[in-house]
Amino acid sequence: MLRSVAFLMDEKDRNNETLRAAILDEAGYIRDCGYGAEISFDKEKLPKERETLVVTDSPDLAKELLDSGFYVTGMLHDGNKGMQFPQVKYVFGEIDQVDMDSFVKVYQRYAGEPWEILRTERLIIRETTLEDVDEFYKLYADPEMTLYMEGLFEDPKDEKRYQKDYIEKVYYLMGFGVWTLQRISDGKVIGRAGYSVRNGFDEVELGFLVGKEYQRQGYCMEACRAILDYGRDMLSFDKVQTLVKEKNEVSIHICKKLGFQETGKVNVEENIYGKQYNQGKKVALSQSQYGDYVKMTLSF
């Protein structure tokens, strides 16, 4: 968990009063948010605990710190414009405009902690972890759960390999995806919901699943409404689609309550990876399976 942010400035910027003022303002803001903050020109004086994120304007220092096991992000300003930070995952500009949530999320990427996307009255909507996979098998255990949607891989090891790739290739690169629904009251994983991009379609797609034990309690509507608001307000989506099996009357009803309208019927490829996950390799065309779906669209 992030506890402090340390600003490590290049020695040549010691007399850059504008930069110092900006960092001092940001450090004060960070402290007001309840985190530690310090400014240094000496990497030897940095806190050694893993709960620190180091922000530096020197690519050379960034590399040294990363090699030493620190979590590091770059910082651009008028004095180092155009510099590249090839080793770091993120680079901040206008440091005094960075909000605390951004520092937390950068730290979480390095530490392998899931991003919390949203909180509703009863739910935490967050990125999925490998530990969630075992809970997913419990949710999918009832045969009714896979009447109208694909299930998990038969072997949990395949599902965890798939989820590991998903975290790195979807969450890290796109910043959104299908997330875990966790009940606030007891921490139980009750379902999944979020956005995906399907080949052959222009619009981002909303998908959702709530375990049978937790259905008919309003969780699905609560999560999906919040996720749709997030898509509109934070991800700047102007239109979202959802694809529902023709016979899945319950999900079609839920989508209509959310404001979706039927816009046609489509034939969609299923079982894309087959029964085993092989580093993202898809099944041969001759083994492809397709299903008939109702396409529904919501415009913001």
C-alpha atoms as a PDB file:
ATOM      1  CA  MET A   1       0.000   0.000   0.000  1.00  0.00           C
ATOM      2  CA  LEU A   2       1.308   3.456  -0.891  1.00  0.00           C
ATOM      3  CA  ARG A   3       2.323   5.488   2.142  1.00  0.00           C
ATOM      4  CA  SER A   4       4.545   8.246   0.749  1.00  0.00           C
ATOM      5  CA  VAL A   5       5.747  10.017  -2.393  1.00  0.00           C
ATOM      6  CA  ALA A   6       9.401  11.067  -2.653  1.00  0.00           C
ATOM      7  CA  PHE A   7      10.510  13.685  -5.186  1.00  0.00           C
ATOM      8  CA  LEU A   8      14.118  13.160  -6.282  1.00  0.00           C
ATOM      9  CA  MET A   9      15.376  16.137  -8.273  1.00  0.00           C
ATOM     10  CA  ASP A  10      18.406  16.251 -10.545  1.00  0.00           C
ATOM     11  CA  GLU A  11      21.249  18.256  -8.962  1.00  0.00           C
ATOM     12  CA  LYS A  12      21.285  20.623 -11.933  1.00  0.00           C
ATOM     13  CA  ASP A  13      17.728  21.702 -11.027  1.00  0.00           C
ATOM     14  CA  ARG A  14      18.657  22.760  -7.487  1.00  0.00           C
ATOM     15  CA  ASN A  15      18.276  26.439  -8.394  1.00  0.00           C
ATOM     16  CA  ASN A  16      15.099  26.013 -10.446  1.00  0.00           C
ATOM     17  CA  GLU A  17      12.818  27.995  -8.174  1.00  0.00           C
ATOM     18  CA  THR A  18       9.740  27.493 -10.352  1.00  0.00           C
ATOM     19  CA  LEU A  19      10.141  23.724 -10.206  1.00  0.00           C
ATOM     20  CA  ARG A  20      10.828  23.740  -6.475  1.00  0.00           C
ATOM     21  CA  ALA A  21       7.717  25.816  -5.854  1.00  0.00           C
ATOM     22  CA  ALA A  22       5.584  23.433  -7.918  1.00  0.00           C
ATOM     23  CA  ILE A  23       6.933  20.396  -6.067  1.00  0.00           C
ATOM     24  CA  LEU A  24       6.487  22.073  -2.677  1.00  0.00           C
ATOM     25  CA  ASP A  25       2.850  22.811  -3.544  1.00  0.00           C
ATOM     26  CA  GLU A  26       2.322  19.204  -4.639  1.00  0.00           C
ATOM     27  CA  ALA A  27       4.039  17.840  -1.534  1.00  0.00           C
ATOM     28  CA  GLY A  28       1.734  19.925   0.647  1.00  0.00           C
ATOM     29  CA  TYR A  29      -1.281  18.590  -1.223  1.00  0.00           C
ATOM     30  CA  ILE A  30      -0.057  15.007  -0.793  1.00  0.00           C
ATOM     31  CA  ARG A  31       0.333  15.516   2.966  1.00  0.00           C
ATOM     32  CA  ASP A  32      -3.152  17.006   3.133  1.00  0.00           C
ATOM     33  CA  CYS A  33      -4.404  13.742   1.583  1.00  0.00           C
ATOM     34  CA  GLY A  34      -2.876  11.811   4.470  1.00  0.00           C
ATOM     35  CA  TYR A  35       0.311  10.541   2.775  1.00  0.00           C
ATOM     36  CA  GLY A  36       3.963  11.302   3.419  1.00  0.00           C
ATOM     37  CA  ALA A  37       5.919  13.523   1.004  1.00  0.00           C
ATOM     38  CA  GLU A  38       9.530  14.644   0.815  1.00  0.00           C
ATOM     39  CA  ILE A  39      11.942  16.352  -1.579  1.00  0.00           C
ATOM     40  CA  SER A  40      15.565  15.296  -2.040  1.00  0.00           C
ATOM     41  CA  PHE A  41      18.621  15.697  -4.299  1.00  0.00           C
ATOM     42  CA  ASP A  42      20.346  12.604  -2.880  1.00  0.00           C
ATOM     43  CA  LYS A  43      19.067   9.162  -3.759  1.00  0.00           C
ATOM     44  CA  GLU A  44      20.847   7.709  -0.721  1.00  0.00           C
ATOM     45  CA  LYS A  45      18.449   9.610   1.531  1.00  0.00           C
ATOM     46  CA  LEU A  46      15.321   8.119  -0.012  1.00  0.00           C
ATOM     47  CA  PRO A  47      13.147   5.946   2.245  1.00  0.00           C
ATOM     48  CA  LYS A  48      13.880   2.279   1.630  1.00  0.00           C
ATOM     49  CA  GLU A  49      10.410   0.906   2.364  1.00  0.00           C
ATOM     50  CA  ARG A  50       8.408  -0.511  -0.551  1.00  0.00           C
ATOM     51  CA  GLU A  51       5.439   1.703   0.285  1.00  0.00           C
ATOM     52  CA  THR A  52       7.120   4.716  -1.409  1.00  0.00           C
ATOM     53  CA  LEU A  53       6.714   5.971  -4.971  1.00  0.00           C
ATOM     54  CA  VAL A  54       9.707   7.973  -6.229  1.00  0.00           C
ATOM     55  CA  VAL A  55       9.127  10.784  -8.738  1.00  0.00           C
ATOM     56  CA  THR A  56      12.273  12.008 -10.527  1.00  0.00           C
ATOM     57  CA  ASP A  57      13.116  14.315 -13.418  1.00  0.00           C
ATOM     58  CA  SER A  58      16.309  12.399 -14.281  1.00  0.00           C
ATOM     59  CA  PRO A  59      16.154   9.385 -16.644  1.00  0.00           C
ATOM     60  CA  ASP A  60      19.541   8.183 -15.330  1.00  0.00           C
ATOM     61  CA  LEU A  61      18.384   8.316 -11.711  1.00  0.00           C
ATOM     62  CA  ALA A  62      15.138   6.603 -12.695  1.00  0.00           C
ATOM     63  CA  LYS A  63      17.048   3.678 -14.173  1.00  0.00           C
ATOM     64  CA  GLU A  64      19.363   3.401 -11.150  1.00  0.00           C
ATOM     65  CA  LEU A  65      16.421   3.392  -8.768  1.00  0.00           C
ATOM     66  CA  LEU A  66      14.442   0.860 -10.773  1.00  0.00           C
ATOM     67  CA  ASP A  67      17.485  -1.415 -10.854  1.00  0.00           C
ATOM     68  CA  SER A  68      17.624  -1.082  -7.051  1.00  0.00           C
ATOM     69  CA  GLY A  69      14.007  -2.174  -6.658  1.00  0.00           C
ATOM     70  CA  PHE A  70      12.271   1.175  -6.219  1.00  0.00           C
ATOM     71  CA  TYR A  71       8.930   2.038  -7.804  1.00  0.00           C
ATOM     72  CA  VAL A  72       9.654   5.069  -9.980  1.00  0.00           C
ATOM     73  CA  THR A  73       7.843   7.449 -12.281  1.00  0.00           C
ATOM     74  CA  GLY A  74       9.283  10.236 -14.424  1.00  0.00           C
ATOM     75  CA  MET A  75       8.575  13.943 -14.213  1.00  0.00           C
ATOM     76  CA  LEU A  76       8.731  16.445 -17.073  1.00  0.00           C
ATOM     77  CA  HIS A  77       9.033  20.203 -16.691  1.00  0.00           C
ATOM     78  CA  ASP A  78      10.405  23.202 -18.598  1.00  0.00           C
ATOM     79  CA  GLY A  79      13.983  22.243 -17.770  1.00  0.00           C
ATOM     80  CA  ASN A  80      13.881  18.694 -19.184  1.00  0.00           C
ATOM     81  CA  LYS A  81      11.342  18.847 -22.005  1.00  0.00           C
ATOM     82  CA  GLY A  82      11.867  16.160 -24.608  1.00  0.00           C
ATOM     83  CA  MET A  83      13.704  13.782 -22.278  1.00  0.00           C
ATOM     84  CA  GLN A  84      12.792  10.124 -22.547  1.00  0.00           C
ATOM     85  CA  PHE A  85      12.246   7.782 -19.608  1.00  0.00           C
ATOM     86  CA  PRO A  86      12.463   4.400 -21.373  1.00  0.00           C
ATOM     87  CA  GLN A  87      12.555   2.334 -18.188  1.00  0.00           C
ATOM     88  CA  VAL A  88       9.523   3.723 -16.356  1.00  0.00           C
ATOM     89  CA  LYS A  89       5.853   2.882 -16.858  1.00  0.00           C
ATOM     90  CA  TYR A  90       4.483   6.405 -16.371  1.00  0.00           C
ATOM     91  CA  VAL A  91       5.712   9.996 -16.728  1.00  0.00           C
ATOM     92  CA  PHE A  92       3.982  12.999 -15.159  1.00  0.00           C
ATOM     93  CA  GLY A  93       3.877  16.509 -16.602  1.00  0.00           C
ATOM     94  CA  GLU A  94       2.816  19.641 -14.702  1.00  0.00           C
ATOM     95  CA  ILE A  95       3.586  17.918 -11.424  1.00  0.00           C
ATOM     96  CA  ASP A  96       1.572  20.366  -9.314  1.00  0.00           C
ATOM     97  CA  GLN A  97      -1.572  19.313 -11.214  1.00  0.00           C
ATOM     98  CA  VAL A  98      -1.313  15.565 -10.505  1.00  0.00           C
ATOM     99  CA  ASP A  99      -4.093  14.268  -8.243  1.00  0.00           C
ATOM    100  CA  MET A 100      -3.486  11.798  -5.430  1.00  0.00           C
ATOM    101  CA  ASP A 101      -5.425   9.046  -7.167  1.00  0.00           C
ATOM    102  CA  SER A 102      -2.884   9.096 -10.002  1.00  0.00           C
ATOM    103  CA  PHE A 103       0.031   8.553  -7.609  1.00  0.00           C
ATOM    104  CA  VAL A 104      -1.862   5.707  -5.962  1.00  0.00           C
ATOM    105  CA  LYS A 105      -2.707   4.039  -9.268  1.00  0.00           C
ATOM    106  CA  VAL A 106       0.881   4.257 -10.572  1.00  0.00           C
ATOM    107  CA  TYR A 107       2.132   2.705  -7.337  1.00  0.00           C
ATOM    108  CA  GLN A 108      -0.475  -0.064  -7.597  1.00  0.00           C
ATOM    109  CA  ARG A 109       0.653  -0.934 -11.121  1.00  0.00           C
ATOM    110  CA  TYR A 110       4.205  -1.448  -9.899  1.00  0.00           C
ATOM    111  CA  ALA A 111       3.117  -3.315  -6.772  1.00  0.00           C
ATOM    112  CA  GLY A 112       0.671  -5.540  -8.667  1.00  0.00           C
ATOM    113  CA  GLU A 113      -2.281  -4.254  -6.655  1.00  0.00           C
ATOM    114  CA  PRO A 114      -5.686  -4.037  -8.391  1.00  0.00           C
ATOM    115  CA  TRP A 115      -7.147  -0.634  -9.150  1.00  0.00           C
ATOM    116  CA  GLU A 116     -10.373   0.187  -7.394  1.00  0.00           C
ATOM    117  CA  ILE A 117     -12.537   1.600 -10.178  1.00  0.00           C
ATOM    118  CA  LEU A 118     -15.739   2.525  -8.359  1.00  0.00           C
ATOM    119  CA  ARG A 119     -17.666   2.240  -5.133  1.00  0.00           C
ATOM    120  CA  THR A 120     -21.425   2.098  -5.042  1.00  0.00           C
ATOM    121  CA  GLU A 121     -23.631   1.915  -1.980  1.00  0.00           C
ATOM    122  CA  ARG A 122     -22.994  -1.810  -1.574  1.00  0.00           C
ATOM    123  CA  LEU A 123     -20.212  -2.753  -3.971  1.00  0.00           C
ATOM    124  CA  ILE A 124     -16.543  -2.251  -4.732  1.00  0.00           C
ATOM    125  CA  ILE A 125     -15.919  -2.502  -8.471  1.00  0.00           C
ATOM    126  CA  ARG A 126     -12.238  -3.272  -8.953  1.00  0.00           C
ATOM    127  CA  GLU A 127      -9.755  -4.946 -11.236  1.00  0.00           C
ATOM    128  CA  THR A 128      -9.684  -8.712 -11.053  1.00  0.00           C
ATOM    129  CA  THR A 129      -6.815 -10.522  -9.331  1.00  0.00           C
ATOM    130  CA  LEU A 130      -5.575 -14.077  -9.742  1.00  0.00           C
ATOM    131  CA  GLU A 131      -6.965 -14.791  -6.269  1.00  0.00           C
ATOM    132  CA  ASP A 132     -10.452 -14.007  -7.600  1.00  0.00           C
ATOM    133  CA  VAL A 133     -10.341 -16.913 -10.035  1.00  0.00           C
ATOM    134  CA  ASP A 134     -11.096 -19.502  -7.339  1.00  0.00           C
ATOM    135  CA  GLU A 135     -14.161 -17.465  -6.367  1.00  0.00           C
ATOM    136  CA  PHE A 136     -15.255 -17.312 -10.011  1.00  0.00           C
ATOM    137  CA  TYR A 137     -15.401 -21.111 -10.159  1.00  0.00           C
ATOM    138  CA  LYS A 138     -17.844 -21.023  -7.250  1.00  0.00           C
ATOM    139  CA  LEU A 139     -20.006 -18.462  -9.078  1.00  0.00           C
ATOM    140  CA  TYR A 140     -19.989 -20.469 -12.296  1.00  0.00           C
ATOM    141  CA  ALA A 141     -20.631 -23.813 -10.597  1.00  0.00           C
ATOM    142  CA  ASP A 142     -24.416 -23.618 -11.003  1.00  0.00           C
ATOM    143  CA  PRO A 143     -25.279 -24.908 -14.527  1.00  0.00           C
ATOM    144  CA  GLU A 144     -27.744 -22.060 -15.018  1.00  0.00           C
ATOM    145  CA  MET A 145     -24.853 -19.572 -15.037  1.00  0.00           C
ATOM    146  CA  THR A 146     -23.544 -20.851 -18.363  1.00  0.00           C
ATOM    147  CA  LEU A 147     -26.842 -21.415 -20.157  1.00  0.00           C
ATOM    148  CA  TYR A 148     -26.394 -18.180 -22.100  1.00  0.00           C
ATOM    149  CA  MET A 149     -22.705 -17.377 -21.726  1.00  0.00           C
ATOM    150  CA  GLU A 150     -19.328 -19.053 -21.934  1.00  0.00           C
ATOM    151  CA  GLY A 151     -17.930 -20.605 -18.802  1.00  0.00           C
ATOM    152  CA  LEU A 152     -14.396 -20.709 -17.470  1.00  0.00           C
ATOM    153  CA  PHE A 153     -11.631 -22.983 -18.691  1.00  0.00           C
ATOM    154  CA  GLU A 154     -11.932 -26.512 -17.382  1.00  0.00           C
ATOM    155  CA  ASP A 155      -8.548 -26.299 -15.654  1.00  0.00           C
ATOM    156  CA  PRO A 156      -8.196 -23.414 -13.154  1.00  0.00           C
ATOM    157  CA  LYS A 157      -4.514 -23.167 -14.103  1.00  0.00           C
ATOM    158  CA  ASP A 158      -5.583 -22.226 -17.641  1.00  0.00           C
ATOM    159  CA  GLU A 159      -7.995 -19.637 -16.281  1.00  0.00           C
ATOM    160  CA  LYS A 160      -5.275 -18.095 -14.120  1.00  0.00           C
ATOM    161  CA  ARG A 161      -2.863 -17.988 -17.066  1.00  0.00           C
ATOM    162  CA  TYR A 162      -5.567 -16.279 -19.102  1.00  0.00           C
ATOM    163  CA  GLN A 163      -6.322 -13.811 -16.307  1.00  0.00           C
ATOM    164  CA  LYS A 164      -2.636 -12.971 -15.848  1.00  0.00           C
ATOM    165  CA  ASP A 165      -2.376 -12.098 -19.550  1.00  0.00           C
ATOM    166  CA  TYR A 166      -5.636 -10.158 -19.323  1.00  0.00           C
ATOM    167  CA  ILE A 167      -4.338  -8.040 -16.440  1.00  0.00           C
ATOM    168  CA  GLU A 168      -1.150  -7.162 -18.309  1.00  0.00           C
ATOM    169  CA  LYS A 169      -2.548  -6.760 -21.815  1.00  0.00           C
ATOM    170  CA  VAL A 170      -5.979  -5.272 -21.150  1.00  0.00           C
ATOM    171  CA  TYR A 171      -5.935  -3.439 -17.794  1.00  0.00           C
ATOM    172  CA  TYR A 172      -2.396  -2.098 -18.206  1.00  0.00           C
ATOM    173  CA  LEU A 173      -2.780  -0.998 -21.828  1.00  0.00           C
ATOM    174  CA  MET A 174      -6.447  -0.005 -22.104  1.00  0.00           C
ATOM    175  CA  GLY A 175      -7.210   1.167 -18.579  1.00  0.00           C
ATOM    176  CA  PHE A 176     -10.566  -0.614 -18.516  1.00  0.00           C
ATOM    177  CA  GLY A 177     -11.940  -4.112 -18.859  1.00  0.00           C
ATOM    178  CA  VAL A 178     -14.220  -6.584 -17.130  1.00  0.00           C
ATOM    179  CA  TRP A 179     -13.932  -6.045 -13.383  1.00  0.00           C
ATOM    180  CA  THR A 180     -14.713  -7.921 -10.169  1.00  0.00           C
ATOM    181  CA  LEU A 181     -17.793  -7.060  -8.091  1.00  0.00           C
ATOM    182  CA  GLN A 182     -17.028  -7.317  -4.372  1.00  0.00           C
ATOM    183  CA  ARG A 183     -19.630  -6.795  -1.676  1.00  0.00           C
ATOM    184  CA  ILE A 184     -18.576  -4.141   0.826  1.00  0.00           C
ATOM    185  CA  SER A 185     -20.362  -5.656   3.807  1.00  0.00           C
ATOM    186  CA  ASP A 186     -18.406  -8.926   3.874  1.00  0.00           C
ATOM    187  CA  GLY A 187     -15.810  -8.762   1.063  1.00  0.00           C
ATOM    188  CA  LYS A 188     -17.439 -11.570  -0.917  1.00  0.00           C
ATOM    189  CA  VAL A 189     -16.901 -11.710  -4.683  1.00  0.00           C
ATOM    190  CA  ILE A 190     -20.419 -11.779  -6.101  1.00  0.00           C
ATOM    191  CA  GLY A 191     -19.921 -11.281  -9.820  1.00  0.00           C
ATOM    192  CA  ARG A 192     -18.185  -9.577 -12.718  1.00  0.00           C
ATOM    193  CA  ALA A 193     -19.035  -6.610 -14.924  1.00  0.00           C
ATOM    194  CA  GLY A 194     -17.331  -4.112 -17.175  1.00  0.00           C
ATOM    195  CA  TYR A 195     -16.285  -3.310 -20.717  1.00  0.00           C
ATOM    196  CA  SER A 196     -14.675  -5.289 -23.508  1.00  0.00           C
ATOM    197  CA  VAL A 197     -13.778  -4.736 -27.136  1.00  0.00           C
ATOM    198  CA  ARG A 198     -15.033  -7.427 -29.493  1.00  0.00           C
ATOM    199  CA  ASN A 199     -13.507  -8.023 -32.909  1.00  0.00           C
ATOM    200  CA  GLY A 200     -15.789  -6.938 -35.729  1.00  0.00           C
ATOM    201  CA  PHE A 201     -17.723  -4.346 -33.713  1.00  0.00           C
ATOM    202  CA  ASP A 202     -17.166  -0.606 -33.390  1.00  0.00           C
ATOM    203  CA  GLU A 203     -18.698   0.008 -29.976  1.00  0.00           C
ATOM    204  CA  VAL A 204     -17.306  -0.959 -26.598  1.00  0.00           C
ATOM    205  CA  GLU A 205     -19.391  -3.745 -25.067  1.00  0.00           C
ATOM    206  CA  LEU A 206     -20.925  -3.956 -21.592  1.00  0.00           C
ATOM    207  CA  GLY A 207     -20.998  -7.382 -19.996  1.00  0.00           C
ATOM    208  CA  PHE A 208     -22.188  -8.545 -16.580  1.00  0.00           C
ATOM    209  CA  LEU A 209     -22.657 -11.616 -14.398  1.00  0.00           C
ATOM    210  CA  VAL A 210     -23.924 -11.972 -10.834  1.00  0.00           C
ATOM    211  CA  GLY A 211     -23.792 -15.302  -9.012  1.00  0.00           C
ATOM    212  CA  LYS A 212     -27.119 -17.037  -8.556  1.00  0.00           C
ATOM    213  CA  GLU A 213     -26.958 -16.688  -4.771  1.00  0.00           C
ATOM    214  CA  TYR A 214     -26.756 -12.899  -5.152  1.00  0.00           C
ATOM    215  CA  GLN A 215     -29.373 -12.381  -7.850  1.00  0.00           C
ATOM    216  CA  ARG A 216     -32.715 -10.585  -7.382  1.00  0.00           C
ATOM    217  CA  GLN A 217     -31.124  -8.203  -4.862  1.00  0.00           C
ATOM    218  CA  GLY A 218     -30.443  -5.281  -7.210  1.00  0.00           C
ATOM    219  CA  TYR A 219     -26.684  -5.797  -7.395  1.00  0.00           C
ATOM    220  CA  CYS A 220     -26.585  -6.104 -11.180  1.00  0.00           C
ATOM    221  CA  MET A 221     -28.473  -2.858 -11.788  1.00  0.00           C
ATOM    222  CA  GLU A 222     -26.442  -1.057  -9.129  1.00  0.00           C
ATOM    223  CA  ALA A 223     -23.130  -2.121 -10.670  1.00  0.00           C
ATOM    224  CA  CYS A 224     -24.097  -1.605 -14.311  1.00  0.00           C
ATOM    225  CA  ARG A 225     -25.557   1.856 -13.761  1.00  0.00           C
ATOM    226  CA  ALA A 226     -22.340   2.949 -12.045  1.00  0.00           C
ATOM    227  CA  ILE A 227     -20.192   1.382 -14.774  1.00  0.00           C
ATOM    228  CA  LEU A 228     -22.204   3.089 -17.521  1.00  0.00           C
ATOM    229  CA  ASP A 229     -21.838   6.448 -15.760  1.00  0.00           C
ATOM    230  CA  TYR A 230     -18.099   5.802 -15.477  1.00  0.00           C
ATOM    231  CA  GLY A 231     -17.889   4.946 -19.167  1.00  0.00           C
ATOM    232  CA  ARG A 232     -19.624   8.180 -20.100  1.00  0.00           C
ATOM    233  CA  ASP A 233     -17.976  10.523 -17.613  1.00  0.00           C
ATOM    234  CA  MET A 234     -14.460   9.105 -17.188  1.00  0.00           C
ATOM    235  CA  LEU A 235     -13.784   7.061 -20.328  1.00  0.00           C
ATOM    236  CA  SER A 236     -15.634   9.460 -22.673  1.00  0.00           C
ATOM    237  CA  PHE A 237     -17.681   6.743 -24.385  1.00  0.00           C
ATOM    238  CA  ASP A 238     -20.574   8.152 -26.401  1.00  0.00           C
ATOM    239  CA  LYS A 239     -22.140   4.783 -27.200  1.00  0.00           C
ATOM    240  CA  VAL A 240     -22.037   1.310 -25.637  1.00  0.00           C
ATOM    241  CA  GLN A 241     -23.364  -1.982 -26.971  1.00  0.00           C
ATOM    242  CA  THR A 242     -24.287  -5.241 -25.321  1.00  0.00           C
ATOM    243  CA  LEU A 243     -24.789  -8.637 -26.954  1.00  0.00           C
ATOM    244  CA  VAL A 244     -27.280 -10.998 -25.321  1.00  0.00           C
ATOM    245  CA  LYS A 245     -28.250 -14.526 -26.296  1.00  0.00           C
ATOM    246  CA  GLU A 246     -31.705 -14.470 -27.926  1.00  0.00           C
ATOM    247  CA  LYS A 247     -33.260 -16.717 -25.272  1.00  0.00           C
ATOM    248  CA  ASN A 248     -31.777 -14.829 -22.331  1.00  0.00           C
ATOM    249  CA  GLU A 249     -34.926 -12.893 -21.486  1.00  0.00           C
ATOM    250  CA  VAL A 250     -33.725 -11.852 -18.024  1.00  0.00           C
ATOM    251  CA  SER A 251     -30.591 -10.123 -19.333  1.00  0.00           C
ATOM    252  CA  ILE A 252     -32.528  -8.509 -22.176  1.00  0.00           C
ATOM    253  CA  HIS A 253     -34.954  -7.111 -19.590  1.00  0.00           C
ATOM    254  CA  ILE A 254     -32.076  -5.785 -17.457  1.00  0.00           C
ATOM    255  CA  CYS A 255     -30.499  -4.094 -20.467  1.00  0.00           C
ATOM    256  CA  LYS A 256     -33.772  -2.416 -21.384  1.00  0.00           C
ATOM    257  CA  LYS A 257     -34.088  -1.105 -17.816  1.00  0.00           C
ATOM    258  CA  LEU A 258     -30.577   0.312 -18.212  1.00  0.00           C
ATOM    259  CA  GLY A 259     -31.704   2.194 -21.319  1.00  0.00           C
ATOM    260  CA  PHE A 260     -30.435  -0.089 -24.082  1.00  0.00           C
ATOM    261  CA  GLN A 261     -32.484  -0.479 -27.243  1.00  0.00           C
ATOM    262  CA  GLU A 262     -32.503  -3.457 -29.590  1.00  0.00           C
ATOM    263  CA  THR A 263     -30.729  -2.637 -32.841  1.00  0.00           C
ATOM    264  CA  GLY A 264     -30.557  -6.005 -34.574  1.00  0.00           C
ATOM    265  CA  LYS A 265     -29.461  -9.622 -34.388  1.00  0.00           C
ATOM    266  CA  VAL A 266     -25.919 -10.858 -34.943  1.00  0.00           C
ATOM    267  CA  ASN A 267     -24.037 -14.133 -35.186  1.00  0.00           C
ATOM    268  CA  VAL A 268     -21.098 -14.054 -32.763  1.00  0.00           C
ATOM    269  CA  GLU A 269     -18.034 -16.284 -32.467  1.00  0.00           C
ATOM    270  CA  GLU A 270     -17.844 -18.226 -29.205  1.00  0.00           C
ATOM    271  CA  ASN A 271     -15.288 -20.538 -27.598  1.00  0.00           C
ATOM    272  CA  ILE A 272     -12.502 -18.379 -29.027  1.00  0.00           C
ATOM    273  CA  TYR A 273      -9.641 -20.082 -27.148  1.00  0.00           C
ATOM    274  CA  GLY A 274     -11.079 -23.587 -26.959  1.00  0.00           C
ATOM    275  CA  LYS A 275     -10.961 -25.755 -23.840  1.00  0.00           C
ATOM    276  CA  GLN A 276      -7.366 -24.868 -22.964  1.00  0.00           C
ATOM    277  CA  TYR A 277      -5.575 -21.536 -22.837  1.00  0.00           C
ATOM    278  CA  ASN A 278      -2.437 -21.522 -24.966  1.00  0.00           C
ATOM    279  CA  GLN A 279      -0.892 -18.029 -24.604  1.00  0.00           C
ATOM    280  CA  GLY A 280      -3.788 -16.391 -26.413  1.00  0.00           C
ATOM    281  CA  LYS A 281      -3.766 -18.701 -29.437  1.00  0.00           C
ATOM    282  CA  LYS A 282      -7.268 -18.974 -30.869  1.00  0.00           C
ATOM    283  CA  VAL A 283      -8.927 -22.158 -32.042  1.00  0.00           C
ATOM    284  CA  ALA A 284      -8.698 -23.124 -35.704  1.00  0.00           C
ATOM    285  CA  LEU A 285     -11.401 -21.708 -37.962  1.00  0.00           C
ATOM    286  CA  SER A 286     -12.760 -25.204 -38.487  1.00  0.00           C
ATOM    287  CA  GLN A 287     -13.369 -25.509 -34.729  1.00  0.00           C
ATOM    288  CA  SER A 288     -15.066 -22.126 -34.304  1.00  0.00           C
ATOM    289  CA  GLN A 289     -18.529 -22.021 -32.747  1.00  0.00           C
ATOM    290  CA  TYR A 290     -21.120 -19.293 -33.250  1.00  0.00           C
ATOM    291  CA  GLY A 291     -24.271 -18.200 -31.461  1.00  0.00           C
ATOM    292  CA  ASP A 292     -27.232 -15.945 -32.225  1.00  0.00           C
ATOM    293  CA  TYR A 293     -27.356 -12.759 -30.160  1.00  0.00           C
ATOM    294  CA  VAL A 294     -29.534  -9.688 -29.803  1.00  0.00           C
ATOM    295  CA  LYS A 295     -27.500  -6.521 -30.257  1.00  0.00           C
ATOM    296  CA  MET A 296     -28.569  -3.681 -27.981  1.00  0.00           C
ATOM    297  CA  THR A 297     -27.164  -0.149 -27.966  1.00  0.00           C
ATOM    298  CA  LEU A 298     -27.128   2.747 -25.514  1.00  0.00           C
ATOM    299  CA  SER A 299     -26.168   6.260 -26.629  1.00  0.00           C
ATOM    300  CA  PHE A 300     -25.135   8.827 -24.016  1.00  0.00           C
END
